[in-house]
Amino acid sequence: MSVWRKKPISAFEAEMKKSGLNRVLTRWGLTSLGIGAIIGGGIFTLTGIAAHDYAGPALALSFVIAGIGCLFASLCYAEFASVLPVEGSAYSYAYGTVGELFAWFIGWNLILEYMMGATTVAVAWSGYFVKLLHLFHIDFPIWLCNDFATATEKCLKAGMEAPSFAVNLPAFVITWVVTSVLVKGIKEAASTNNIIVILKISVVLFVIIAGAFYINVENWTPFIPNEVAELDANGVATGKMNFGFGGVLTAATIVFFAYIGFDAVSTQAGEAVNPKKDVPFAIIASLVICTVLYILVSLVLTGMVKYDVLDKAAPVASAFSEKGLTWAVFIITIAATAGLTSVMLVMMLGQTRIFLGMAKDGLLPQFFKTLHPVFKTPHKSTILVGGVISIVAALTPIDKVSEMCSMGTLLAFAMVCVAVMLLRFKKPELERPYKAPAVYLVGTLGVAFNLFLMAYVRKETWFAFLIWGTLGVLVYFLYSRQNSNLHNASDESL
């Protein structure tokens, strides 16, 4: 009955052999999923805020710092994925090394990363889709592309009468489009993602190559602007720094969230052809590829336009618009819209696979592990997740709580770094097709980096996070502890 009971490694190996999922994902198919999850709205929006307010041309350095911080966690994820190539990601890794309650808490908080993240992306997709239609002179009514609170706010700001009803229809529809693709099968989902990833990378390369011809090196001087203390609306110092090396670090905490998603690769281990080798490769490869692209894009943007005139909301489009390349805005907006679709697809995919892993262990009802007889996907779970996301995205001002997504991610990253060190110490004899180099140094730096970023999260988010965590602990003691497979040693899965 101990809350620290661990799932035997042999049980994971048995599950791998009898998994009902279709193993169709190759090394590059997994890498594509990773890139699909990472490159999204972040590169088209966060770069503006980070460069304009905090780092200036040194935004490239911020991307390097954030990329290195993510690399620590990715190396730990890669080692775990080679030892335990199952669909539960950080949840499963913790279950096999630290204990049940710890694993449950991580799985519970991964809901924040994947489900909350997908909801936020659905709302962001709606915004880009409306912008795209506007470029073709088609305008959505405010009440039909925003939740009630946001629609009321926008109408009053525009001097219009507040609506009596509002719903974010584009966000609702795109959620069900993605859900239908995921129910159909992993092969279809991966193929859809591959097409979008090719489009996204093509446009990012277009931004880099075309923008390079318009770089004015004088815009990079000074590379790190002089440091200034950030003040709030009342003129009181916030503790954050604008510019200087302090500003570069603050910008790194902002752009870090453009990297979220590489860990979703580990949730697809159950559908990988050769998970022990291909999942670690895909985790690291997707992160490295995206880091290089991010650094190049940031150098191009701050070289094309002086950092202090970059538009904070749409920096990439505004930089090209400043140079008279208005036709490029169409391409960039289309890419951003498509890019967010693949982010959403991979996040929803990851969420359902984590639910599948938890249900297989008895910590969630059997409903979550039911597979479709033809498509071999957890269709019931996928439809439920799609339903929740579509309703919340259509009716809730999700931007108010989107930081919760980051909290779940940072916790998972830190805990995986802890767990990989524990497993290396306690089970040194385990076969490890991939071993993280200098694991104790890498793991410690990974924990420190993620705790550092958590310290920058708003107090309101910490409060909400503690409430969510308390609710999770209650669910564990009221349901999961008694229904766990480990509670009944005769369970056939063990």
Protein backbone atom coordinates (compact mmCIF):
# COMPACT_ATOMS: atom_id res chain seq x y z
CA MET A 1 0.00 0.00 0.00
CA SER A 2 3.04 2.31 0.02
CA VAL A 3 2.62 5.42 -2.11
CA TRP A 4 6.28 4.97 -3.10
CA ARG A 5 5.79 1.52 -4.64
CA LYS A 6 7.49 1.26 -8.03
CA LYS A 7 6.41 -0.45 -11.19
CA PRO A 8 8.89 -3.21 -12.06
CA ILE A 9 10.98 -2.70 -15.20
CA SER A 10 9.85 -6.19 -16.26
CA ALA A 11 6.24 -4.96 -16.32
CA PHE A 12 7.18 -2.20 -18.76
CA GLU A 13 8.91 -4.75 -20.99
CA ALA A 14 5.84 -7.00 -20.93
CA GLU A 15 3.59 -4.09 -21.91
CA MET A 16 5.86 -3.22 -24.83
CA LYS A 17 5.50 -6.74 -26.23
CA LYS A 18 1.69 -6.81 -26.08
CA SER A 19 0.92 -3.19 -27.00
CA GLY A 20 -2.10 -2.95 -29.26
CA LEU A 21 -0.88 0.24 -30.94
CA ASN A 22 0.32 0.31 -34.53
CA ARG A 23 4.11 0.63 -34.73
CA VAL A 24 4.50 2.77 -37.85
CA LEU A 25 6.67 5.73 -36.78
CA THR A 26 10.22 5.77 -38.14
CA ARG A 27 13.20 7.77 -36.83
CA TRP A 28 12.44 10.75 -39.06
CA GLY A 29 8.69 10.40 -38.54
CA LEU A 30 9.29 10.85 -34.79
CA THR A 31 11.66 13.76 -35.45
CA SER A 32 8.97 15.39 -37.59
CA LEU A 33 6.49 15.07 -34.70
CA GLY A 34 9.01 16.77 -32.44
CA ILE A 35 9.53 19.64 -34.87
CA GLY A 36 5.77 19.85 -35.37
CA ALA A 37 5.30 20.34 -31.63
CA ILE A 38 8.12 22.86 -31.19
CA ILE A 39 7.78 25.23 -34.16
CA GLY A 40 4.50 27.07 -33.72
CA GLY A 41 3.25 30.50 -32.82
CA GLY A 42 6.22 31.03 -30.49
CA ILE A 43 8.70 31.84 -33.24
CA PHE A 44 6.23 34.26 -34.84
CA THR A 45 5.31 36.12 -31.62
CA LEU A 46 7.70 35.62 -28.68
CA THR A 47 10.68 36.91 -30.68
CA GLY A 48 9.10 40.38 -30.83
CA ILE A 49 8.50 40.77 -27.09
CA ALA A 50 11.88 39.27 -26.13
CA ALA A 51 13.91 41.42 -28.55
CA HIS A 52 11.95 44.67 -28.16
CA ASP A 53 11.78 44.72 -24.35
CA TYR A 54 14.62 42.60 -23.03
CA ALA A 55 17.49 41.38 -25.21
CA GLY A 56 17.75 43.50 -28.36
CA PRO A 57 20.00 41.83 -30.99
CA ALA A 58 21.30 39.51 -28.22
CA LEU A 59 18.01 37.60 -28.60
CA ALA A 60 20.11 35.04 -30.48
CA LEU A 61 22.11 34.54 -27.28
CA SER A 62 18.84 34.11 -25.34
CA PHE A 63 17.85 31.32 -27.73
CA VAL A 64 21.24 29.66 -27.18
CA ILE A 65 20.79 29.79 -23.38
CA ALA A 66 17.21 28.49 -23.53
CA GLY A 67 18.25 25.78 -26.01
CA ILE A 68 21.08 24.60 -23.75
CA GLY A 69 18.69 24.55 -20.78
CA CYS A 70 16.25 22.39 -22.76
CA LEU A 71 19.12 20.19 -23.96
CA PHE A 72 19.84 19.09 -20.37
CA ALA A 73 16.26 17.85 -20.02
CA SER A 74 16.25 16.34 -23.54
CA LEU A 75 19.36 14.24 -22.83
CA CYS A 76 17.67 12.87 -19.69
CA TYR A 77 14.46 12.18 -21.65
CA ALA A 78 16.52 10.41 -24.33
CA GLU A 79 18.16 8.05 -21.83
CA PHE A 80 14.83 7.19 -20.24
CA ALA A 81 13.22 6.65 -23.64
CA SER A 82 15.92 4.09 -24.49
CA VAL A 83 15.39 2.23 -21.18
CA LEU A 84 11.59 2.50 -20.98
CA PRO A 85 10.25 3.04 -24.53
CA VAL A 86 6.57 3.21 -23.49
CA GLU A 87 3.85 5.78 -24.15
CA GLY A 88 3.66 7.36 -20.67
CA SER A 89 6.63 9.75 -21.05
CA ALA A 90 7.74 11.44 -17.79
CA TYR A 91 4.90 9.71 -15.91
CA SER A 92 6.19 6.23 -16.77
CA TYR A 93 9.80 7.19 -16.10
CA ALA A 94 8.88 8.33 -12.58
CA TYR A 95 6.74 5.23 -11.94
CA GLY A 96 9.68 2.93 -12.62
CA THR A 97 12.18 4.89 -10.55
CA VAL A 98 10.72 7.10 -7.82
CA GLY A 99 7.29 5.75 -6.93
CA GLU A 100 3.55 5.76 -7.61
CA LEU A 101 2.44 8.99 -5.94
CA PHE A 102 5.30 10.90 -7.54
CA ALA A 103 4.45 9.40 -10.96
CA TRP A 104 0.77 10.22 -10.53
CA PHE A 105 1.59 13.82 -9.64
CA ILE A 106 3.71 14.19 -12.78
CA GLY A 107 1.01 12.57 -14.95
CA TRP A 108 -1.60 14.85 -13.39
CA ASN A 109 0.51 17.93 -14.14
CA LEU A 110 1.26 16.82 -17.69
CA ILE A 111 -2.44 17.50 -18.29
CA LEU A 112 -1.48 21.15 -17.82
CA GLU A 113 1.20 20.90 -20.50
CA TYR A 114 -0.74 18.97 -23.12
CA MET A 115 -4.44 19.69 -22.63
CA MET A 116 -4.05 23.27 -21.43
CA GLY A 117 -1.38 23.79 -24.08
CA ALA A 118 -3.63 22.45 -26.87
CA THR A 119 -6.48 24.68 -25.66
CA THR A 120 -4.24 27.76 -25.73
CA VAL A 121 -2.99 26.83 -29.20
CA ALA A 122 -6.58 26.40 -30.45
CA VAL A 123 -7.35 29.98 -29.38
CA ALA A 124 -4.10 31.24 -30.95
CA TRP A 125 -4.95 29.33 -34.16
CA SER A 126 -8.31 31.09 -34.26
CA GLY A 127 -6.54 34.47 -34.04
CA TYR A 128 -4.18 33.68 -36.90
CA PHE A 129 -7.00 32.19 -39.00
CA VAL A 130 -9.06 35.38 -38.59
CA LYS A 131 -5.98 37.44 -39.60
CA LEU A 132 -5.50 35.21 -42.64
CA LEU A 133 -9.12 35.70 -43.73
CA HIS A 134 -8.72 39.46 -43.19
CA LEU A 135 -5.84 39.49 -45.69
CA PHE A 136 -8.38 38.22 -48.23
CA HIS A 137 -10.89 40.90 -47.11
CA ILE A 138 -13.07 38.43 -45.20
CA ASP A 139 -13.90 39.58 -41.68
CA PHE A 140 -15.35 37.42 -38.90
CA PRO A 141 -17.79 39.11 -36.48
CA ILE A 142 -16.10 39.67 -33.09
CA TRP A 143 -18.74 37.62 -31.28
CA LEU A 144 -18.06 34.59 -33.50
CA CYS A 145 -14.28 34.35 -33.01
CA ASN A 146 -13.85 35.20 -29.31
CA ASP A 147 -15.15 33.99 -25.96
CA PHE A 148 -17.76 36.21 -24.29
CA ALA A 149 -15.36 38.06 -21.95
CA THR A 150 -12.84 38.80 -24.71
CA ALA A 151 -15.55 39.74 -27.23
CA THR A 152 -17.11 42.17 -24.72
CA GLU A 153 -13.70 43.74 -24.03
CA LYS A 154 -12.92 44.14 -27.75
CA CYS A 155 -16.37 45.56 -28.58
CA LEU A 156 -16.22 48.16 -25.81
CA LYS A 157 -12.68 49.16 -26.82
CA ALA A 158 -13.91 49.65 -30.39
CA GLY A 159 -16.86 51.75 -29.23
CA MET A 160 -19.38 49.03 -30.12
CA GLU A 161 -22.23 47.58 -28.11
CA ALA A 162 -21.30 44.54 -26.02
CA PRO A 163 -22.63 41.26 -27.52
CA SER A 164 -25.31 39.22 -25.72
CA PHE A 165 -23.61 35.97 -26.84
CA ALA A 166 -20.14 35.03 -28.08
CA VAL A 167 -18.30 31.85 -29.03
CA ASN A 168 -14.89 31.16 -30.57
CA LEU A 169 -16.17 29.13 -33.52
CA PRO A 170 -12.80 28.71 -35.37
CA ALA A 171 -11.17 27.32 -32.19
CA PHE A 172 -14.10 24.90 -31.71
CA VAL A 173 -13.99 23.68 -35.32
CA ILE A 174 -10.20 23.20 -35.59
CA THR A 175 -10.23 21.12 -32.39
CA TRP A 176 -12.72 18.69 -33.90
CA VAL A 177 -10.83 18.57 -37.21
CA VAL A 178 -7.65 17.58 -35.33
CA THR A 179 -9.61 15.12 -33.16
CA SER A 180 -11.01 13.35 -36.23
CA VAL A 181 -7.51 12.97 -37.69
CA LEU A 182 -6.22 11.50 -34.40
CA VAL A 183 -9.12 9.05 -34.12
CA LYS A 184 -8.48 7.82 -37.66
CA GLY A 185 -4.96 6.63 -36.84
CA ILE A 186 -1.37 7.46 -36.01
CA LYS A 187 -0.31 6.98 -39.65
CA GLU A 188 -2.80 9.60 -40.83
CA ALA A 189 -1.85 11.94 -37.98
CA ALA A 190 1.86 11.57 -38.75
CA SER A 191 1.28 12.12 -42.50
CA THR A 192 -0.75 15.27 -41.81
CA ASN A 193 1.96 16.51 -39.45
CA ASN A 194 4.71 15.77 -42.01
CA ILE A 195 3.01 17.93 -44.65
CA ILE A 196 2.60 20.83 -42.19
CA VAL A 197 6.19 20.48 -40.92
CA ILE A 198 7.54 20.67 -44.47
CA LEU A 199 5.49 23.85 -44.99
CA LYS A 200 6.66 25.35 -41.67
CA ILE A 201 10.35 24.64 -42.23
CA SER A 202 10.09 25.95 -45.80
CA VAL A 203 8.66 29.26 -44.58
CA VAL A 204 11.19 29.55 -41.72
CA LEU A 205 13.99 28.96 -44.26
CA PHE A 206 12.34 31.53 -46.54
CA VAL A 207 12.38 34.06 -43.67
CA ILE A 208 16.07 33.31 -43.03
CA ILE A 209 17.24 33.36 -46.66
CA ALA A 210 15.07 36.20 -47.99
CA GLY A 211 15.57 38.29 -44.85
CA ALA A 212 19.36 37.86 -45.03
CA PHE A 213 19.44 40.11 -48.13
CA TYR A 214 17.91 42.96 -46.10
CA ILE A 215 20.19 42.77 -43.04
CA ASN A 216 21.83 46.01 -41.97
CA VAL A 217 24.69 45.06 -39.61
CA GLU A 218 24.39 48.45 -37.90
CA ASN A 219 21.12 47.21 -36.41
CA TRP A 220 23.17 44.70 -34.38
CA THR A 221 25.08 47.51 -32.62
CA PRO A 222 25.19 47.43 -29.67
CA PHE A 223 24.66 43.66 -29.64
CA ILE A 224 23.73 43.75 -25.94
CA PRO A 225 22.05 47.13 -25.17
CA ASN A 226 22.82 48.85 -21.86
CA GLU A 227 21.02 47.42 -18.85
CA VAL A 228 17.90 49.16 -17.49
CA ALA A 229 15.77 48.10 -14.49
CA GLU A 230 12.20 47.19 -15.53
CA LEU A 231 9.48 49.25 -13.81
CA ASP A 232 5.82 48.36 -13.35
CA ALA A 233 2.88 50.71 -14.05
CA ASN A 234 3.50 52.46 -10.72
CA GLY A 235 7.19 53.05 -11.41
CA VAL A 236 8.34 50.35 -8.96
CA ALA A 237 11.20 47.99 -9.94
CA THR A 238 9.91 44.51 -10.87
CA GLY A 239 13.23 42.74 -10.30
CA LYS A 240 13.53 41.92 -14.00
CA MET A 241 16.06 43.64 -16.24
CA ASN A 242 15.57 45.29 -19.60
CA PHE A 243 18.66 44.67 -21.73
CA GLY A 244 22.16 43.99 -20.46
CA PHE A 245 22.97 40.38 -19.56
CA GLY A 246 20.07 40.41 -17.07
CA GLY A 247 17.75 41.21 -19.97
CA VAL A 248 19.26 38.39 -22.04
CA LEU A 249 18.45 35.94 -19.20
CA THR A 250 14.91 37.31 -18.86
CA ALA A 251 14.44 36.91 -22.62
CA ALA A 252 15.70 33.33 -22.31
CA THR A 253 12.89 32.58 -19.84
CA ILE A 254 10.40 34.02 -22.35
CA VAL A 255 11.64 32.20 -25.46
CA PHE A 256 12.08 28.95 -23.51
CA PHE A 257 8.38 28.35 -24.05
CA ALA A 258 8.94 28.31 -27.81
CA TYR A 259 10.82 25.02 -27.21
CA ILE A 260 8.04 23.23 -25.35
CA GLY A 261 7.02 20.11 -27.23
CA PHE A 262 10.15 18.02 -27.79
CA ASP A 263 9.10 15.82 -24.86
CA ALA A 264 5.95 14.87 -26.80
CA VAL A 265 8.17 12.57 -28.89
CA SER A 266 8.58 10.30 -25.85
CA THR A 267 4.79 9.81 -25.65
CA GLN A 268 4.89 8.14 -29.08
CA ALA A 269 7.26 5.31 -28.08
CA GLY A 270 4.39 2.79 -28.23
CA GLU A 271 3.93 3.57 -31.94
CA ALA A 272 7.62 3.69 -32.91
CA VAL A 273 9.13 0.95 -35.08
CA ASN A 274 12.40 0.90 -33.12
CA PRO A 275 11.70 2.95 -29.98
CA LYS A 276 14.91 2.23 -28.03
CA LYS A 277 17.07 3.88 -30.68
CA ASP A 278 14.74 6.13 -32.65
CA VAL A 279 12.98 7.99 -29.79
CA PRO A 280 16.24 9.27 -28.21
CA PHE A 281 17.47 10.31 -31.67
CA ALA A 282 14.23 12.16 -32.47
CA ILE A 283 14.13 13.99 -29.11
CA ILE A 284 17.63 15.41 -29.52
CA ALA A 285 17.44 15.94 -33.30
CA SER A 286 14.17 17.89 -33.19
CA LEU A 287 15.51 20.15 -30.42
CA VAL A 288 18.84 20.82 -32.17
CA ILE A 289 17.19 21.53 -35.55
CA CYS A 290 14.70 23.97 -34.01
CA THR A 291 17.39 25.70 -31.93
CA VAL A 292 19.50 26.39 -35.03
CA LEU A 293 16.44 27.72 -36.91
CA TYR A 294 15.42 29.92 -33.96
CA ILE A 295 18.91 31.46 -33.65
CA LEU A 296 19.06 32.23 -37.38
CA VAL A 297 15.55 33.76 -37.43
CA SER A 298 16.36 35.99 -34.43
CA LEU A 299 19.59 37.23 -36.08
CA VAL A 300 17.75 37.98 -39.34
CA LEU A 301 14.87 39.85 -37.65
CA THR A 302 17.09 42.06 -35.49
CA GLY A 303 19.32 42.64 -38.52
CA MET A 304 16.45 43.63 -40.83
CA VAL A 305 14.85 46.07 -38.36
CA LYS A 306 16.21 47.88 -35.30
CA TYR A 307 15.08 45.90 -32.25
CA ASP A 308 13.22 48.87 -30.68
CA VAL A 309 10.86 49.23 -33.66
CA LEU A 310 10.04 45.52 -33.98
CA ASP A 311 6.31 44.91 -33.65
CA LYS A 312 5.75 42.90 -30.45
CA ALA A 313 2.62 41.12 -31.67
CA ALA A 314 3.76 40.06 -35.15
CA PRO A 315 7.55 40.65 -35.40
CA VAL A 316 8.25 38.46 -38.43
CA ALA A 317 5.44 39.89 -40.55
CA SER A 318 6.23 43.46 -39.46
CA ALA A 319 9.94 43.14 -40.32
CA PHE A 320 9.11 42.13 -43.88
CA SER A 321 6.39 44.76 -44.10
CA GLU A 322 8.93 47.44 -43.07
CA LYS A 323 11.04 46.44 -46.07
CA GLY A 324 8.09 46.74 -48.44
CA LEU A 325 7.69 42.95 -48.80
CA THR A 326 3.95 42.94 -48.08
CA TRP A 327 3.45 39.80 -50.18
CA ALA A 328 5.61 37.91 -47.66
CA VAL A 329 3.06 38.66 -44.91
CA PHE A 330 0.61 36.31 -46.68
CA ILE A 331 3.14 33.46 -46.67
CA ILE A 332 4.14 34.03 -43.04
CA THR A 333 0.52 34.20 -41.81
CA ILE A 334 -0.38 30.99 -43.68
CA ALA A 335 2.66 29.25 -42.17
CA ALA A 336 1.79 30.41 -38.65
CA THR A 337 -1.78 29.13 -39.05
CA ALA A 338 -0.62 25.76 -40.37
CA GLY A 339 2.15 25.60 -37.79
CA LEU A 340 -0.24 25.94 -34.88
CA THR A 341 -2.36 23.11 -36.32
CA SER A 342 0.53 20.65 -36.03
CA VAL A 343 1.41 21.86 -32.51
CA MET A 344 -2.17 21.17 -31.50
CA LEU A 345 -2.13 17.75 -33.18
CA VAL A 346 1.01 16.60 -31.35
CA MET A 347 -0.15 17.97 -27.97
CA MET A 348 -3.50 16.17 -28.18
CA LEU A 349 -1.69 13.04 -29.34
CA GLY A 350 0.64 13.24 -26.34
CA GLN A 351 -2.22 13.77 -23.88
CA THR A 352 -4.17 10.70 -24.98
CA ARG A 353 -1.04 8.50 -24.86
CA ILE A 354 -0.27 9.60 -21.30
CA PHE A 355 -3.86 8.82 -20.31
CA LEU A 356 -3.41 5.42 -22.01
CA GLY A 357 -0.29 4.68 -19.94
CA MET A 358 -1.98 5.72 -16.69
CA ALA A 359 -5.11 3.68 -17.47
CA LYS A 360 -2.98 0.59 -18.21
CA ASP A 361 -1.56 0.94 -14.69
CA GLY A 362 -5.03 1.22 -13.17
CA LEU A 363 -4.56 4.82 -12.04
CA LEU A 364 -7.29 6.01 -14.43
CA PRO A 365 -10.54 4.24 -15.45
CA GLN A 366 -10.37 1.58 -18.17
CA PHE A 367 -12.26 3.96 -20.48
CA PHE A 368 -8.95 5.70 -21.26
CA LYS A 369 -7.20 2.56 -22.55
CA THR A 370 -9.92 1.29 -24.91
CA LEU A 371 -8.51 0.96 -28.45
CA HIS A 372 -10.56 1.23 -31.65
CA PRO A 373 -10.85 -2.25 -33.24
CA VAL A 374 -9.87 -0.96 -36.69
CA PHE A 375 -7.82 2.22 -36.19
CA LYS A 376 -5.92 0.93 -33.11
CA THR A 377 -6.15 4.35 -31.44
CA PRO A 378 -7.54 5.24 -27.97
CA HIS A 379 -10.61 6.72 -29.69
CA LYS A 380 -12.81 7.23 -26.62
CA SER A 381 -10.07 9.11 -24.79
CA THR A 382 -9.28 11.15 -27.91
CA ILE A 383 -12.92 12.19 -28.37
CA LEU A 384 -13.21 13.13 -24.68
CA VAL A 385 -10.01 15.21 -24.81
CA GLY A 386 -11.21 16.87 -28.04
CA GLY A 387 -14.58 17.63 -26.48
CA VAL A 388 -13.09 19.25 -23.37
CA ILE A 389 -10.57 21.29 -25.39
CA SER A 390 -13.18 22.47 -27.92
CA ILE A 391 -15.60 23.69 -25.24
CA VAL A 392 -12.95 25.40 -23.10
CA ALA A 393 -11.32 27.02 -26.17
CA ALA A 394 -14.69 28.23 -27.47
CA LEU A 395 -15.96 29.73 -24.21
CA THR A 396 -13.00 30.62 -21.96
CA PRO A 397 -10.51 33.52 -22.04
CA ILE A 398 -7.71 30.96 -21.92
CA ASP A 399 -4.93 33.54 -22.23
CA LYS A 400 -5.54 34.38 -18.56
CA VAL A 401 -4.35 30.93 -17.44
CA SER A 402 -2.01 29.85 -20.25
CA GLU A 403 1.05 30.02 -17.94
CA MET A 404 -0.33 26.92 -16.22
CA CYS A 405 0.83 25.02 -19.30
CA SER A 406 4.40 26.13 -18.60
CA MET A 407 4.25 25.05 -14.96
CA GLY A 408 3.33 21.48 -15.87
CA THR A 409 6.18 21.37 -18.39
CA LEU A 410 8.84 22.78 -16.07
CA LEU A 411 7.88 20.36 -13.31
CA ALA A 412 8.03 17.38 -15.68
CA PHE A 413 11.43 18.46 -17.04
CA ALA A 414 12.90 18.87 -13.55
CA MET A 415 11.50 15.57 -12.30
CA VAL A 416 12.81 13.61 -15.30
CA CYS A 417 16.29 15.02 -14.60
CA VAL A 418 16.00 13.83 -10.98
CA ALA A 419 14.62 10.42 -11.95
CA VAL A 420 17.31 9.63 -14.54
CA MET A 421 20.04 10.24 -11.94
CA LEU A 422 18.21 8.01 -9.43
CA LEU A 423 17.87 5.20 -11.96
CA ARG A 424 21.53 5.44 -13.00
CA PHE A 425 22.51 5.16 -9.30
CA LYS A 426 20.07 2.40 -8.28
CA LYS A 427 20.05 0.29 -11.46
CA PRO A 428 23.45 0.73 -13.11
CA GLU A 429 23.15 -2.74 -14.68
CA LEU A 430 20.15 -1.84 -16.90
CA GLU A 431 20.69 -1.93 -20.65
CA ARG A 432 20.85 1.68 -21.90
CA PRO A 433 20.99 1.93 -25.72
CA TYR A 434 21.49 5.66 -25.16
CA LYS A 435 23.32 7.08 -22.12
CA ALA A 436 23.21 10.78 -21.25
CA PRO A 437 26.81 12.08 -21.02
CA ALA A 438 27.98 13.20 -17.55
CA VAL A 439 24.50 12.36 -16.30
CA TYR A 440 24.91 13.72 -12.76
CA LEU A 441 26.15 17.08 -14.05
CA VAL A 442 23.58 17.23 -16.86
CA GLY A 443 20.75 16.17 -14.53
CA THR A 444 21.69 18.68 -11.83
CA LEU A 445 21.95 21.52 -14.35
CA GLY A 446 18.59 20.48 -15.84
CA VAL A 447 16.89 20.64 -12.43
CA ALA A 448 18.53 23.99 -11.61
CA PHE A 449 17.54 25.53 -14.96
CA ASN A 450 13.89 24.52 -14.68
CA LEU A 451 13.60 25.64 -11.05
CA PHE A 452 15.14 28.96 -12.09
CA LEU A 453 12.43 29.42 -14.73
CA MET A 454 9.69 28.41 -12.28
CA ALA A 455 10.86 31.26 -10.03
CA TYR A 456 9.92 33.70 -12.82
CA VAL A 457 6.31 32.52 -13.02
CA ARG A 458 3.64 34.89 -11.66
CA LYS A 459 2.38 34.41 -8.07
CA GLU A 460 -1.20 33.94 -9.34
CA THR A 461 -0.02 31.03 -11.48
CA TRP A 462 1.73 29.43 -8.49
CA PHE A 463 -1.49 29.74 -6.49
CA ALA A 464 -3.55 28.09 -9.25
CA PHE A 465 -0.87 25.42 -9.64
CA LEU A 466 -1.04 24.54 -5.92
CA ILE A 467 -4.84 24.23 -6.14
CA TRP A 468 -4.51 21.94 -9.19
CA GLY A 469 -1.84 19.86 -7.42
CA THR A 470 -3.99 19.51 -4.28
CA LEU A 471 -6.92 18.34 -6.42
CA GLY A 472 -4.62 15.76 -8.03
CA VAL A 473 -3.49 14.37 -4.68
CA LEU A 474 -7.15 14.03 -3.60
CA VAL A 475 -8.02 12.11 -6.79
CA TYR A 476 -5.04 9.81 -6.17
CA PHE A 477 -6.09 8.91 -2.61
CA LEU A 478 -9.81 8.67 -3.43
CA TYR A 479 -9.51 6.57 -6.61
CA SER A 480 -6.09 5.77 -8.06
CA ARG A 481 -4.34 4.29 -5.02
CA GLN A 482 -6.99 1.59 -4.50
CA ASN A 483 -7.37 0.82 -8.22
CA SER A 484 -3.67 0.66 -9.05
CA ASN A 485 -2.47 -2.60 -10.59
CA LEU A 486 0.32 -2.64 -8.01
CA HIS A 487 -2.35 -2.71 -5.30
CA ASN A 488 -3.29 -6.18 -6.52
CA ALA A 489 -0.16 -8.26 -7.12
CA SER A 490 -2.17 -10.92 -8.95
CA ASP A 491 -3.08 -8.44 -11.71
CA GLU A 492 -2.33 -10.16 -15.04
CA SER A 493 -0.39 -7.17 -16.33
CA LEU A 494 2.28 -7.86 -13.70
